[in-house]
Amino acid sequence: MPIAVSAALVLALPACSADATDPERPLRGVLTTPTDIDLDWQDTRPGIAGHVLEFATEESGPYTVLRYLAPHVTSYRHPDLLPHTTFHYRLRSYRGPTVRPARTDLADGLRFTWTDDSPDEDGFLLEIRKKDSHRYDPVAVVPPDTETTDFVPLPDERHAGYRIRAFVLGEQSNVVRLTTGE
């Protein structure tokens, strides 16, 4: 292993040495290659519907959403990053009720419609439960105050189960700061 990589790992580890079970610092990260960052977290609070993982190159932002994640997902790899760049990560929980949307088959996809009964949502998530699965995963984000969305499924997703979640963003985690190497 080159010395520069070892030094980058040594410098990165103190920034993410918090215990993953620490409710004040649930997000941890490590530079696993010079340009790949692995993040992991634990959140056992009741009622959490999932998390939004965000990153920025400045601690004050702006932050960009990497992914909306179902509650069973507790890790993420951010691959192939720019070398010699500092990345800041944070995790936000979300909550919200779900409804079964009306579904219309289109020639090249599916259309989902629902009634927006939530007065203060941050948006909607289209969630999928694939055949032979017991859990739902977010597949599309829809803006607030919307009641329809089109979705082009993969061949094995056309006959999956779908639902809409009106989500409200919650608490923000600690910020993890890591700098990539060569």
C-alpha atoms as a PDB file:
ATOM      1  CA  MET A   1       0.000   0.000   0.000  1.00  0.00           C
ATOM      2  CA  PRO A   2       1.492   3.409  -0.917  1.00  0.00           C
ATOM      3  CA  ILE A   3       2.396   5.715   1.955  1.00  0.00           C
ATOM      4  CA  ALA A   4       0.007   8.437   0.731  1.00  0.00           C
ATOM      5  CA  VAL A   5      -2.939   6.053   1.038  1.00  0.00           C
ATOM      6  CA  SER A   6      -1.893   4.988   4.535  1.00  0.00           C
ATOM      7  CA  ALA A   7      -1.600   8.615   5.609  1.00  0.00           C
ATOM      8  CA  ALA A   8      -5.032   9.414   4.162  1.00  0.00           C
ATOM      9  CA  LEU A   9      -6.572   6.501   6.041  1.00  0.00           C
ATOM     10  CA  VAL A  10      -4.926   7.531   9.312  1.00  0.00           C
ATOM     11  CA  LEU A  11      -6.182  11.088   8.865  1.00  0.00           C
ATOM     12  CA  ALA A  12      -9.692   9.946   7.956  1.00  0.00           C
ATOM     13  CA  LEU A  13     -10.254   7.534  10.828  1.00  0.00           C
ATOM     14  CA  PRO A  14     -10.351  10.058  13.702  1.00  0.00           C
ATOM     15  CA  ALA A  15     -13.142  11.935  11.934  1.00  0.00           C
ATOM     16  CA  CYS A  16     -15.310   8.812  12.018  1.00  0.00           C
ATOM     17  CA  SER A  17     -14.294   7.070  15.195  1.00  0.00           C
ATOM     18  CA  ALA A  18     -17.678   7.474  16.885  1.00  0.00           C
ATOM     19  CA  ASP A  19     -19.396   4.273  17.912  1.00  0.00           C
ATOM     20  CA  ALA A  20     -22.139   3.405  15.386  1.00  0.00           C
ATOM     21  CA  THR A  21     -24.564   2.848  18.275  1.00  0.00           C
ATOM     22  CA  ASP A  22     -24.022   6.415  19.591  1.00  0.00           C
ATOM     23  CA  PRO A  23     -27.390   8.119  18.919  1.00  0.00           C
ATOM     24  CA  GLU A  24     -25.644  11.507  18.703  1.00  0.00           C
ATOM     25  CA  ARG A  25     -23.239  10.275  15.962  1.00  0.00           C
ATOM     26  CA  PRO A  26     -24.955   7.464  14.040  1.00  0.00           C
ATOM     27  CA  LEU A  27     -23.119   8.092  10.739  1.00  0.00           C
ATOM     28  CA  ARG A  28     -19.610   6.738  10.219  1.00  0.00           C
ATOM     29  CA  GLY A  29     -17.369   6.667   7.185  1.00  0.00           C
ATOM     30  CA  VAL A  30     -14.040   5.340   6.001  1.00  0.00           C
ATOM     31  CA  LEU A  31     -11.889   5.854   2.933  1.00  0.00           C
ATOM     32  CA  THR A  32     -11.653   2.271   1.635  1.00  0.00           C
ATOM     33  CA  THR A  33      -9.602   3.058  -1.480  1.00  0.00           C
ATOM     34  CA  PRO A  34      -8.037   6.363  -2.491  1.00  0.00           C
ATOM     35  CA  THR A  35     -11.291   7.332  -4.259  1.00  0.00           C
ATOM     36  CA  ASP A  36     -14.042   5.206  -2.603  1.00  0.00           C
ATOM     37  CA  ILE A  37     -15.807   6.133   0.636  1.00  0.00           C
ATOM     38  CA  ASP A  38     -17.897   3.619   2.587  1.00  0.00           C
ATOM     39  CA  LEU A  39     -20.545   4.967   4.965  1.00  0.00           C
ATOM     40  CA  ASP A  40     -22.560   3.070   7.549  1.00  0.00           C
ATOM     41  CA  TRP A  41     -25.071   3.894  10.266  1.00  0.00           C
ATOM     42  CA  GLN A  42     -27.553   2.515  12.755  1.00  0.00           C
ATOM     43  CA  ASP A  43     -30.902   4.051  13.586  1.00  0.00           C
ATOM     44  CA  THR A  44     -33.235   1.982  15.711  1.00  0.00           C
ATOM     45  CA  ARG A  45     -35.683   4.768  16.565  1.00  0.00           C
ATOM     46  CA  PRO A  46     -39.298   3.684  16.109  1.00  0.00           C
ATOM     47  CA  GLY A  47     -41.313   5.199  13.278  1.00  0.00           C
ATOM     48  CA  ILE A  48     -38.408   5.996  10.971  1.00  0.00           C
ATOM     49  CA  ALA A  49     -39.475   5.171   7.391  1.00  0.00           C
ATOM     50  CA  GLY A  50     -35.992   5.602   5.929  1.00  0.00           C
ATOM     51  CA  HIS A  51     -33.061   7.943   5.419  1.00  0.00           C
ATOM     52  CA  VAL A  52     -31.760  10.467   2.931  1.00  0.00           C
ATOM     53  CA  LEU A  53     -27.984  10.353   2.465  1.00  0.00           C
ATOM     54  CA  GLU A  54     -26.491  13.670   1.320  1.00  0.00           C
ATOM     55  CA  PHE A  55     -23.008  14.964   0.497  1.00  0.00           C
ATOM     56  CA  ALA A  56     -21.257  18.269  -0.138  1.00  0.00           C
ATOM     57  CA  THR A  57     -17.716  19.416  -0.822  1.00  0.00           C
ATOM     58  CA  GLU A  58     -18.102  22.279   1.690  1.00  0.00           C
ATOM     59  CA  GLU A  59     -19.387  21.652   5.215  1.00  0.00           C
ATOM     60  CA  SER A  60     -21.926  24.477   4.859  1.00  0.00           C
ATOM     61  CA  GLY A  61     -23.212  22.976   1.593  1.00  0.00           C
ATOM     62  CA  PRO A  62     -24.980  22.984  -0.658  1.00  0.00           C
ATOM     63  CA  TYR A  63     -25.746  19.315   0.006  1.00  0.00           C
ATOM     64  CA  THR A  64     -26.765  16.955  -2.793  1.00  0.00           C
ATOM     65  CA  VAL A  65     -28.933  13.875  -2.252  1.00  0.00           C
ATOM     66  CA  LEU A  66     -27.061  10.652  -2.979  1.00  0.00           C
ATOM     67  CA  ARG A  67     -29.998   8.379  -2.349  1.00  0.00           C
ATOM     68  CA  TYR A  68     -33.270   7.884  -0.489  1.00  0.00           C
ATOM     69  CA  LEU A  69     -32.855   4.648   1.470  1.00  0.00           C
ATOM     70  CA  ALA A  70     -35.328   2.244   3.071  1.00  0.00           C
ATOM     71  CA  PRO A  71     -34.902   1.625   6.823  1.00  0.00           C
ATOM     72  CA  HIS A  72     -33.249  -1.789   6.315  1.00  0.00           C
ATOM     73  CA  VAL A  73     -30.370  -0.180   4.367  1.00  0.00           C
ATOM     74  CA  THR A  74     -27.524   0.744   6.723  1.00  0.00           C
ATOM     75  CA  SER A  75     -24.534   1.251   4.424  1.00  0.00           C
ATOM     76  CA  TYR A  76     -23.583   2.956   1.174  1.00  0.00           C
ATOM     77  CA  ARG A  77     -20.460   3.128  -0.994  1.00  0.00           C
ATOM     78  CA  HIS A  78     -19.729   6.451  -2.708  1.00  0.00           C
ATOM     79  CA  PRO A  79     -17.374   5.251  -5.483  1.00  0.00           C
ATOM     80  CA  ASP A  80     -14.946   6.766  -7.970  1.00  0.00           C
ATOM     81  CA  LEU A  81     -14.651  10.171  -6.323  1.00  0.00           C
ATOM     82  CA  LEU A  82     -12.406  13.038  -7.349  1.00  0.00           C
ATOM     83  CA  PRO A  83      -8.931  12.659  -5.863  1.00  0.00           C
ATOM     84  CA  HIS A  84      -7.654  15.112  -3.230  1.00  0.00           C
ATOM     85  CA  THR A  85     -11.163  16.353  -2.486  1.00  0.00           C
ATOM     86  CA  THR A  86     -12.889  16.708   0.882  1.00  0.00           C
ATOM     87  CA  PHE A  87     -16.410  15.310   1.112  1.00  0.00           C
ATOM     88  CA  HIS A  88     -18.938  15.975   3.879  1.00  0.00           C
ATOM     89  CA  TYR A  89     -21.786  13.509   4.496  1.00  0.00           C
ATOM     90  CA  ARG A  90     -24.930  13.694   6.557  1.00  0.00           C
ATOM     91  CA  LEU A  91     -27.969  11.498   7.023  1.00  0.00           C
ATOM     92  CA  ARG A  92     -31.542  12.719   7.474  1.00  0.00           C
ATOM     93  CA  SER A  93     -34.395  10.530   8.619  1.00  0.00           C
ATOM     94  CA  TYR A  94     -37.823  10.690   7.045  1.00  0.00           C
ATOM     95  CA  ARG A  95     -41.278   9.629   8.177  1.00  0.00           C
ATOM     96  CA  GLY A  96     -44.667   9.563   6.581  1.00  0.00           C
ATOM     97  CA  PRO A  97     -47.764   7.551   5.722  1.00  0.00           C
ATOM     98  CA  THR A  98     -48.212   5.430   2.622  1.00  0.00           C
ATOM     99  CA  VAL A  99     -51.128   4.958   0.243  1.00  0.00           C
ATOM    100  CA  ARG A 100     -51.812   2.582  -2.619  1.00  0.00           C
ATOM    101  CA  PRO A 101     -51.922   4.651  -5.800  1.00  0.00           C
ATOM    102  CA  ALA A 102     -54.181   3.962  -8.756  1.00  0.00           C
ATOM    103  CA  ARG A 103     -52.076   2.408 -11.507  1.00  0.00           C
ATOM    104  CA  THR A 104     -52.467   2.779 -15.266  1.00  0.00           C
ATOM    105  CA  ASP A 105     -50.408   0.764 -17.737  1.00  0.00           C
ATOM    106  CA  LEU A 106     -48.846   2.910 -20.463  1.00  0.00           C
ATOM    107  CA  ALA A 107     -47.149   1.696 -23.633  1.00  0.00           C
ATOM    108  CA  ASP A 108     -43.711   2.465 -22.232  1.00  0.00           C
ATOM    109  CA  GLY A 109     -44.313   2.499 -18.478  1.00  0.00           C
ATOM    110  CA  LEU A 110     -46.736   2.992 -15.622  1.00  0.00           C
ATOM    111  CA  ARG A 111     -48.704   5.996 -14.374  1.00  0.00           C
ATOM    112  CA  PHE A 112     -49.549   6.308 -10.692  1.00  0.00           C
ATOM    113  CA  THR A 113     -52.181   8.697  -9.293  1.00  0.00           C
ATOM    114  CA  TRP A 114     -53.200   9.391  -5.702  1.00  0.00           C
ATOM    115  CA  THR A 115     -54.874  12.048  -3.560  1.00  0.00           C
ATOM    116  CA  ASP A 116     -52.537  14.395  -1.698  1.00  0.00           C
ATOM    117  CA  ASP A 117     -54.048  14.432   1.800  1.00  0.00           C
ATOM    118  CA  SER A 118     -50.882  15.620   3.571  1.00  0.00           C
ATOM    119  CA  PRO A 119     -50.630  19.366   4.188  1.00  0.00           C
ATOM    120  CA  ASP A 120     -46.905  19.610   4.899  1.00  0.00           C
ATOM    121  CA  GLU A 121     -44.988  16.923   2.999  1.00  0.00           C
ATOM    122  CA  ASP A 122     -41.443  17.545   1.767  1.00  0.00           C
ATOM    123  CA  GLY A 123     -42.285  15.327  -1.192  1.00  0.00           C
ATOM    124  CA  PHE A 124     -43.473  11.868  -2.159  1.00  0.00           C
ATOM    125  CA  LEU A 125     -41.559   8.643  -2.674  1.00  0.00           C
ATOM    126  CA  LEU A 126     -42.658   5.977  -5.121  1.00  0.00           C
ATOM    127  CA  GLU A 127     -41.707   2.736  -3.383  1.00  0.00           C
ATOM    128  CA  ILE A 128     -41.474  -0.718  -4.952  1.00  0.00           C
ATOM    129  CA  ARG A 129     -41.857  -4.207  -3.524  1.00  0.00           C
ATOM    130  CA  LYS A 130     -40.417  -6.627  -6.050  1.00  0.00           C
ATOM    131  CA  LYS A 131     -41.890 -10.070  -6.565  1.00  0.00           C
ATOM    132  CA  ASP A 132     -40.925 -12.448  -3.738  1.00  0.00           C
ATOM    133  CA  SER A 133     -39.743  -9.568  -1.533  1.00  0.00           C
ATOM    134  CA  HIS A 134     -41.230  -8.527   1.797  1.00  0.00           C
ATOM    135  CA  ARG A 135     -39.975  -4.947   1.826  1.00  0.00           C
ATOM    136  CA  TYR A 136     -40.367  -1.737  -0.107  1.00  0.00           C
ATOM    137  CA  ASP A 137     -37.529   0.383  -1.499  1.00  0.00           C
ATOM    138  CA  PRO A 138     -37.733   3.966  -2.838  1.00  0.00           C
ATOM    139  CA  VAL A 139     -37.371   4.176  -6.640  1.00  0.00           C
ATOM    140  CA  ALA A 140     -38.500   7.720  -7.449  1.00  0.00           C
ATOM    141  CA  VAL A 141     -38.856  11.079  -5.722  1.00  0.00           C
ATOM    142  CA  VAL A 142     -41.870  13.226  -6.564  1.00  0.00           C
ATOM    143  CA  PRO A 143     -42.216  16.933  -5.623  1.00  0.00           C
ATOM    144  CA  PRO A 144     -44.669  18.064  -2.928  1.00  0.00           C
ATOM    145  CA  ASP A 145     -48.254  18.927  -3.903  1.00  0.00           C
ATOM    146  CA  THR A 146     -48.224  16.354  -6.698  1.00  0.00           C
ATOM    147  CA  GLU A 147     -50.835  13.669  -7.384  1.00  0.00           C
ATOM    148  CA  THR A 148     -49.414  11.802 -10.382  1.00  0.00           C
ATOM    149  CA  THR A 149     -46.147  10.415 -11.641  1.00  0.00           C
ATOM    150  CA  ASP A 150     -44.991   8.252 -14.537  1.00  0.00           C
ATOM    151  CA  PHE A 151     -42.449   5.484 -14.040  1.00  0.00           C
ATOM    152  CA  VAL A 152     -40.618   3.287 -16.537  1.00  0.00           C
ATOM    153  CA  PRO A 153     -40.006  -0.045 -14.780  1.00  0.00           C
ATOM    154  CA  LEU A 154     -37.379  -2.611 -15.587  1.00  0.00           C
ATOM    155  CA  PRO A 155     -38.885  -5.813 -17.054  1.00  0.00           C
ATOM    156  CA  ASP A 156     -38.951  -7.576 -13.660  1.00  0.00           C
ATOM    157  CA  GLU A 157     -40.582  -4.508 -12.008  1.00  0.00           C
ATOM    158  CA  ARG A 158     -43.706  -4.237 -14.167  1.00  0.00           C
ATOM    159  CA  HIS A 159     -45.639  -6.658 -11.938  1.00  0.00           C
ATOM    160  CA  ALA A 160     -44.210  -5.462  -8.627  1.00  0.00           C
ATOM    161  CA  GLY A 161     -46.198  -3.868  -5.821  1.00  0.00           C
ATOM    162  CA  TYR A 162     -46.058  -0.070  -5.536  1.00  0.00           C
ATOM    163  CA  ARG A 163     -47.015   2.488  -2.948  1.00  0.00           C
ATOM    164  CA  ILE A 164     -46.653   6.240  -2.437  1.00  0.00           C
ATOM    165  CA  ARG A 165     -45.196   7.703   0.745  1.00  0.00           C
ATOM    166  CA  ALA A 166     -45.782  11.346   1.689  1.00  0.00           C
ATOM    167  CA  PHE A 167     -42.507  12.025   3.475  1.00  0.00           C
ATOM    168  CA  VAL A 168     -41.401  14.646   5.957  1.00  0.00           C
ATOM    169  CA  LEU A 169     -37.704  15.099   6.606  1.00  0.00           C
ATOM    170  CA  GLY A 170     -36.585  14.730  10.190  1.00  0.00           C
ATOM    171  CA  GLU A 171     -33.490  14.972  12.250  1.00  0.00           C
ATOM    172  CA  GLN A 172     -30.063  15.438  10.706  1.00  0.00           C
ATOM    173  CA  SER A 173     -27.146  13.239  11.806  1.00  0.00           C
ATOM    174  CA  ASN A 174     -23.614  14.201  12.560  1.00  0.00           C
ATOM    175  CA  VAL A 175     -21.467  15.277   9.611  1.00  0.00           C
ATOM    176  CA  VAL A 176     -18.662  12.938   8.496  1.00  0.00           C
ATOM    177  CA  ARG A 177     -15.714  14.602   6.744  1.00  0.00           C
ATOM    178  CA  LEU A 178     -13.299  12.571   4.610  1.00  0.00           C
ATOM    179  CA  THR A 179     -10.658  13.537   2.049  1.00  0.00           C
ATOM    180  CA  THR A 180      -9.855  11.327  -0.893  1.00  0.00           C
ATOM    181  CA  GLY A 181      -6.282  10.395  -1.826  1.00  0.00           C
ATOM    182  CA  GLU A 182      -4.496   9.967  -5.138  1.00  0.00           C
END
